[in-house]
């Protein structure tokens, strides 16, 4: 078994949660989301992010607004919908349960 494959799957499994956490703070442009993920040491490329943002939008968890930019064309800023806020709350509860389980197993 390859540890890198498992680590990659773990990152993929938490990516949606991380994006929703970022957007909980404020609406963000895709490049801002990538930068914040990179700052957190979660490397994501645009080819991964854009389909995921589209899927979250189509699921009703995100919406977007076009905002004029001083440096080119208007930018699409994503934000959580009410449904997205509720979904994020469910993920936060699930993360806490999982974290508690792992910490319990590590400490025994």
Protein backbone atom coordinates (compact mmCIF):
# COMPACT_ATOMS: atom_id res chain seq x y z
CA UNK A 1 0.00 0.00 0.00
CA UNK A 2 1.26 3.45 -0.93
CA UNK A 3 1.05 6.14 1.76
CA UNK A 4 1.00 8.92 -0.88
CA UNK A 5 -2.15 7.45 -2.44
CA UNK A 6 -3.88 7.34 0.93
CA UNK A 7 -2.80 10.89 1.75
CA UNK A 8 -4.11 12.05 -1.64
CA UNK A 9 -7.48 10.43 -0.98
CA UNK A 10 -7.64 12.04 2.45
CA UNK A 11 -7.01 15.48 0.90
CA UNK A 12 -9.67 14.90 -1.77
CA UNK A 13 -12.13 13.86 0.90
CA UNK A 14 -11.72 17.14 2.78
CA UNK A 15 -11.43 19.55 -0.16
CA UNK A 16 -15.14 20.47 -0.33
CA UNK A 17 -15.16 21.08 3.40
CA UNK A 18 -12.09 23.33 3.15
CA UNK A 19 -13.61 25.37 0.32
CA UNK A 20 -16.83 25.87 2.26
CA UNK A 21 -14.82 26.95 5.32
CA UNK A 22 -13.02 29.57 3.22
CA UNK A 23 -16.28 30.88 1.80
CA UNK A 24 -17.83 31.01 5.26
CA UNK A 25 -15.43 33.86 6.04
CA UNK A 26 -16.28 35.95 2.96
CA UNK A 27 -17.12 35.67 -0.74
CA UNK A 28 -14.03 34.79 -2.76
CA UNK A 29 -12.71 34.66 -6.30
CA UNK A 30 -11.37 31.27 -7.45
CA UNK A 31 -7.75 32.49 -7.37
CA UNK A 32 -8.28 33.67 -3.78
CA UNK A 33 -9.60 30.24 -2.83
CA UNK A 34 -6.56 28.55 -4.38
CA UNK A 35 -4.21 30.95 -2.58
CA UNK A 36 -5.87 30.30 0.80
CA UNK A 37 -5.73 26.54 0.24
CA UNK A 38 -2.04 26.82 -0.67
CA UNK A 39 -1.37 28.90 2.45
CA UNK A 40 -2.89 26.01 4.41
CA UNK A 41 -0.54 23.60 2.55
CA UNK A 42 -3.40 22.06 0.53
CA UNK A 43 -2.23 22.32 -3.07
CA UNK A 44 -5.08 22.55 -5.59
CA UNK A 45 -4.96 23.55 -9.24
CA UNK A 46 -7.62 25.41 -11.20
CA UNK A 47 -8.47 22.25 -13.15
CA UNK A 48 -9.57 20.65 -9.88
CA UNK A 49 -11.19 23.70 -8.30
CA UNK A 50 -13.48 24.94 -11.07
CA UNK A 51 -15.40 21.66 -11.57
CA UNK A 52 -15.79 21.39 -7.80
CA UNK A 53 -17.12 24.96 -7.53
CA UNK A 54 -19.56 24.21 -10.34
CA UNK A 55 -20.74 21.04 -8.60
CA UNK A 56 -21.22 22.90 -5.30
CA UNK A 57 -23.14 25.65 -7.13
CA UNK A 58 -25.33 23.14 -8.98
CA UNK A 59 -26.06 21.46 -5.64
CA UNK A 60 -27.37 24.77 -4.30
CA UNK A 61 -24.56 25.21 -1.77
CA UNK A 62 -22.92 28.17 -3.51
CA UNK A 63 -23.98 31.14 -5.55
CA UNK A 64 -21.86 33.76 -7.26
CA UNK A 65 -21.83 37.41 -8.24
CA UNK A 66 -19.87 39.12 -10.99
CA UNK A 67 -17.82 41.97 -9.58
CA UNK A 68 -15.92 44.49 -11.69
CA UNK A 69 -12.14 44.27 -11.49
CA UNK A 70 -9.53 47.02 -11.76
CA UNK A 71 -7.21 44.52 -13.45
CA UNK A 72 -9.28 43.11 -16.30
CA UNK A 73 -12.68 41.54 -16.86
CA UNK A 74 -15.28 41.13 -14.12
CA UNK A 75 -14.60 38.34 -11.64
CA UNK A 76 -16.92 35.66 -10.35
CA UNK A 77 -17.06 35.75 -6.55
CA UNK A 78 -18.48 32.66 -4.85
CA UNK A 79 -20.45 32.73 -1.61
CA UNK A 80 -22.33 30.27 0.57
CA UNK A 81 -26.09 30.03 0.20
CA UNK A 82 -28.36 29.35 3.17
CA UNK A 83 -28.32 25.70 2.12
CA UNK A 84 -24.53 25.86 1.98
CA UNK A 85 -24.37 27.26 5.51
CA UNK A 86 -26.55 24.40 6.76
CA UNK A 87 -24.48 21.84 4.86
CA UNK A 88 -21.25 23.29 6.25
CA UNK A 89 -22.65 23.00 9.76
CA UNK A 90 -23.34 19.30 9.12
CA UNK A 91 -19.80 18.83 7.83
CA UNK A 92 -18.37 20.62 10.86
CA UNK A 93 -20.27 18.22 13.15
CA UNK A 94 -19.08 15.21 11.13
CA UNK A 95 -15.49 16.50 11.21
CA UNK A 96 -15.64 16.93 14.99
CA UNK A 97 -16.98 13.39 15.43
CA UNK A 98 -14.28 11.98 13.16
CA UNK A 99 -11.58 14.00 14.89
CA UNK A 100 -12.78 12.79 18.29
CA UNK A 101 -12.75 9.18 17.08
CA UNK A 102 -9.24 9.43 15.66
CA UNK A 103 -7.91 11.19 18.76
CA UNK A 104 -9.51 8.52 20.95
CA UNK A 105 -7.87 5.75 18.92
CA UNK A 106 -4.50 7.51 18.88
CA UNK A 107 -4.50 8.03 22.62
CA UNK A 108 -5.43 4.45 23.58
